């Protein structure tokens, strides 16, 4: 009986690890890592509006915060 209980616990742990791995894969595809920044765009020269609608605060990999404007 104890052997059956331990195999059931091991199966549950294995299922939990697999679920965590799937979650990590889904999160990494939903929130890709930013690999660089640029102070200019090379894809065109669109002029942004003078006043952004608001700002999104993001935490950079080094722990500092940055405010990113968004426009209507």
N, C-alpha and C. Protein backbone atom coordinates (compact mmCIF):
# COMPACT_ATOMS: atom_id res chain seq x y z
N UNK A 1 0.82 -1.20 0.00
CA UNK A 1 0.00 0.00 0.00
C UNK A 1 0.86 1.26 0.00
N UNK A 2 1.94 1.26 0.79
CA UNK A 2 2.80 2.43 0.86
C UNK A 2 3.49 2.67 -0.48
N UNK A 3 3.83 1.57 -1.20
CA UNK A 3 4.47 1.72 -2.50
C UNK A 3 3.52 2.37 -3.49
N UNK A 4 2.24 2.02 -3.43
CA UNK A 4 1.26 2.64 -4.31
C UNK A 4 1.09 4.12 -3.98
N UNK A 5 1.10 4.45 -2.69
CA UNK A 5 0.96 5.84 -2.28
C UNK A 5 2.14 6.68 -2.78
N UNK A 6 3.37 6.12 -2.65
CA UNK A 6 4.52 6.89 -3.08
C UNK A 6 4.55 7.04 -4.60
N UNK A 7 4.11 6.04 -5.34
CA UNK A 7 4.09 6.18 -6.80
C UNK A 7 3.03 7.20 -7.22
N UNK A 8 1.92 7.28 -6.48
CA UNK A 8 0.91 8.29 -6.77
C UNK A 8 1.41 9.69 -6.49
N UNK A 9 2.15 9.85 -5.41
CA UNK A 9 2.74 11.15 -5.07
C UNK A 9 3.77 11.55 -6.11
N UNK A 10 4.59 10.60 -6.54
CA UNK A 10 5.60 10.89 -7.57
C UNK A 10 4.93 11.29 -8.88
N UNK A 11 3.85 10.63 -9.23
CA UNK A 11 3.13 10.98 -10.45
C UNK A 11 2.55 12.39 -10.35
N UNK A 12 2.02 12.74 -9.20
CA UNK A 12 1.49 14.09 -9.01
C UNK A 12 2.59 15.13 -9.08
N UNK A 13 3.74 14.85 -8.49
CA UNK A 13 4.87 15.77 -8.57
C UNK A 13 5.33 15.93 -10.01
N UNK A 14 5.41 14.82 -10.74
CA UNK A 14 5.82 14.87 -12.14
C UNK A 14 4.83 15.72 -12.95
N UNK A 15 3.54 15.53 -12.72
CA UNK A 15 2.53 16.33 -13.41
C UNK A 15 2.67 17.82 -13.06
N UNK A 16 2.98 18.11 -11.79
CA UNK A 16 3.17 19.49 -11.37
C UNK A 16 4.36 20.13 -12.06
N UNK A 17 5.46 19.40 -12.18
CA UNK A 17 6.65 19.91 -12.85
C UNK A 17 6.36 20.16 -14.33
N UNK A 18 5.65 19.24 -14.96
CA UNK A 18 5.29 19.42 -16.37
C UNK A 18 4.39 20.64 -16.56
N UNK A 19 3.46 20.84 -15.65
CA UNK A 19 2.57 22.01 -15.73
C UNK A 19 3.36 23.30 -15.57
N UNK A 20 4.32 23.33 -14.66
CA UNK A 20 5.15 24.52 -14.46
C UNK A 20 5.99 24.78 -15.70
N UNK A 21 6.53 23.73 -16.31
CA UNK A 21 7.31 23.91 -17.54
C UNK A 21 6.45 24.46 -18.67
N UNK A 22 5.22 23.96 -18.81
CA UNK A 22 4.32 24.49 -19.85
C UNK A 22 3.99 25.96 -19.58
N UNK A 23 3.76 26.28 -18.32
CA UNK A 23 3.47 27.67 -17.95
C UNK A 23 4.65 28.57 -18.29
N UNK A 24 5.86 28.13 -17.98
CA UNK A 24 7.06 28.92 -18.27
C UNK A 24 7.20 29.14 -19.78
N UNK A 25 6.92 28.11 -20.58
CA UNK A 25 7.00 28.25 -22.03
C UNK A 25 5.95 29.25 -22.53
N UNK A 26 4.73 29.16 -22.01
CA UNK A 26 3.67 30.08 -22.43
C UNK A 26 4.00 31.51 -22.04
N UNK A 27 4.51 31.70 -20.84
CA UNK A 27 4.86 33.04 -20.39
C UNK A 27 6.01 33.63 -21.22
N UNK A 28 6.99 32.80 -21.56
CA UNK A 28 8.12 33.33 -22.34
C UNK A 28 7.70 33.67 -23.75
N UNK A 29 6.68 32.99 -24.30
CA UNK A 29 6.22 33.38 -25.63
C UNK A 29 5.30 34.59 -25.56
N UNK A 30 4.59 34.76 -24.45
CA UNK A 30 3.70 35.91 -24.31
C UNK A 30 4.47 37.17 -23.94
N UNK A 31 5.55 37.02 -23.20
CA UNK A 31 6.36 38.15 -22.75
C UNK A 31 7.81 37.92 -23.14
N UNK A 32 8.13 38.14 -24.42
CA UNK A 32 9.51 37.89 -24.84
C UNK A 32 10.48 38.85 -24.17
N UNK A 33 11.70 38.42 -24.03
CA UNK A 33 12.74 39.22 -23.40
C UNK A 33 13.21 40.28 -24.39
N UNK A 34 13.33 41.50 -23.92
CA UNK A 34 13.86 42.58 -24.74
C UNK A 34 15.37 42.43 -24.77
N UNK A 35 15.93 42.37 -25.97
CA UNK A 35 17.37 42.13 -26.08
C UNK A 35 18.17 43.40 -26.35
N UNK A 36 17.50 44.51 -26.55
CA UNK A 36 18.24 45.74 -26.80
C UNK A 36 17.30 46.93 -26.87
N UNK A 37 17.87 48.09 -26.86
CA UNK A 37 17.10 49.32 -26.98
C UNK A 37 17.74 50.19 -28.04
N UNK A 38 17.00 51.18 -28.49
CA UNK A 38 17.51 52.10 -29.50
C UNK A 38 16.95 53.48 -29.24
N UNK A 39 17.70 54.48 -29.58
CA UNK A 39 17.21 55.85 -29.42
C UNK A 39 16.62 56.37 -30.73
N UNK A 40 16.67 55.56 -31.79
CA UNK A 40 16.08 55.96 -33.06
C UNK A 40 15.45 54.76 -33.74
N UNK A 41 14.53 55.03 -34.65
CA UNK A 41 13.88 53.97 -35.40
C UNK A 41 14.45 53.96 -36.81
N UNK A 42 14.68 52.80 -37.35
CA UNK A 42 15.21 52.71 -38.70
C UNK A 42 14.13 52.35 -39.71
N UNK A 43 12.91 52.07 -39.26
CA UNK A 43 11.86 51.63 -40.16
C UNK A 43 11.07 52.76 -40.79
N UNK A 44 11.29 53.99 -40.42
CA UNK A 44 10.54 55.09 -40.98
C UNK A 44 10.75 56.34 -40.15
N UNK A 45 10.10 57.40 -40.55
CA UNK A 45 10.30 58.65 -39.82
C UNK A 45 8.96 59.27 -39.47
N UNK A 46 8.11 58.52 -38.79
CA UNK A 46 6.82 59.04 -38.37
C UNK A 46 7.02 60.02 -37.22
N UNK A 47 6.27 61.11 -37.24
CA UNK A 47 6.33 62.10 -36.17
C UNK A 47 5.28 61.73 -35.13
N UNK A 48 5.70 61.60 -33.89
CA UNK A 48 4.78 61.26 -32.81
C UNK A 48 4.02 62.51 -32.36
N UNK A 49 2.82 62.32 -31.83
CA UNK A 49 2.09 63.46 -31.28
C UNK A 49 2.88 64.13 -30.16
N UNK A 50 2.59 65.40 -29.92
CA UNK A 50 3.33 66.15 -28.91
C UNK A 50 3.10 65.61 -27.50
N UNK A 51 1.88 65.17 -27.21
CA UNK A 51 1.56 64.72 -25.85
C UNK A 51 1.10 63.27 -25.86
N UNK A 52 1.79 62.41 -25.13
CA UNK A 52 1.33 61.02 -25.03
C UNK A 52 0.04 60.94 -24.21
N UNK A 53 -0.72 59.88 -24.42
CA UNK A 53 -1.93 59.63 -23.65
C UNK A 53 -1.57 59.26 -22.22
N UNK A 54 -0.50 58.52 -22.09
CA UNK A 54 -0.04 58.09 -20.76
C UNK A 54 1.30 57.41 -20.87
N UNK A 55 1.71 56.81 -19.77
CA UNK A 55 3.00 56.13 -19.72
C UNK A 55 2.82 54.76 -19.10
N UNK A 56 3.59 53.80 -19.60
CA UNK A 56 3.67 52.46 -19.02
C UNK A 56 5.00 52.39 -18.29
N UNK A 57 4.98 51.98 -17.05
CA UNK A 57 6.22 51.81 -16.30
C UNK A 57 6.65 50.35 -16.39
N UNK A 58 7.86 50.13 -16.86
CA UNK A 58 8.40 48.78 -16.97
C UNK A 58 9.66 48.68 -16.12
N UNK A 59 9.90 47.50 -15.59
CA UNK A 59 11.11 47.25 -14.84
C UNK A 59 12.11 46.57 -15.77
N UNK A 60 13.25 47.19 -15.95
CA UNK A 60 14.29 46.68 -16.82
C UNK A 60 15.04 45.55 -16.13
N UNK A 61 15.75 44.71 -16.93
CA UNK A 61 16.47 43.58 -16.32
C UNK A 61 17.46 43.97 -15.23
N UNK A 62 17.99 45.19 -15.28
CA UNK A 62 18.93 45.60 -14.23
C UNK A 62 18.23 46.12 -12.98
N UNK A 63 16.88 46.11 -12.99
CA UNK A 63 16.12 46.50 -11.80
C UNK A 63 15.62 47.93 -11.81
N UNK A 64 16.08 48.74 -12.73
CA UNK A 64 15.61 50.13 -12.79
C UNK A 64 14.28 50.20 -13.53
N UNK A 65 13.53 51.25 -13.27
CA UNK A 65 12.25 51.46 -13.92
C UNK A 65 12.39 52.44 -15.06
N UNK A 66 11.58 52.24 -16.08
CA UNK A 66 11.57 53.16 -17.23
C UNK A 66 10.11 53.44 -17.57
N UNK A 67 9.83 54.68 -17.93
CA UNK A 67 8.48 55.07 -18.36
C UNK A 67 8.45 55.13 -19.87
N UNK A 68 7.53 54.38 -20.47
CA UNK A 68 7.41 54.31 -21.92
C UNK A 68 6.10 55.00 -22.29
N UNK A 69 6.15 56.03 -23.15
CA UNK A 69 4.91 56.71 -23.51
C UNK A 69 4.06 55.88 -24.47
N UNK A 70 2.75 56.07 -24.39
CA UNK A 70 1.87 55.48 -25.40
C UNK A 70 0.94 56.57 -25.91
N UNK A 71 0.54 56.40 -27.16
CA UNK A 71 -0.20 57.44 -27.87
C UNK A 71 -1.55 56.92 -28.34
N UNK A 72 -2.47 57.83 -28.58
CA UNK A 72 -3.81 57.47 -29.05
C UNK A 72 -3.77 57.12 -30.51
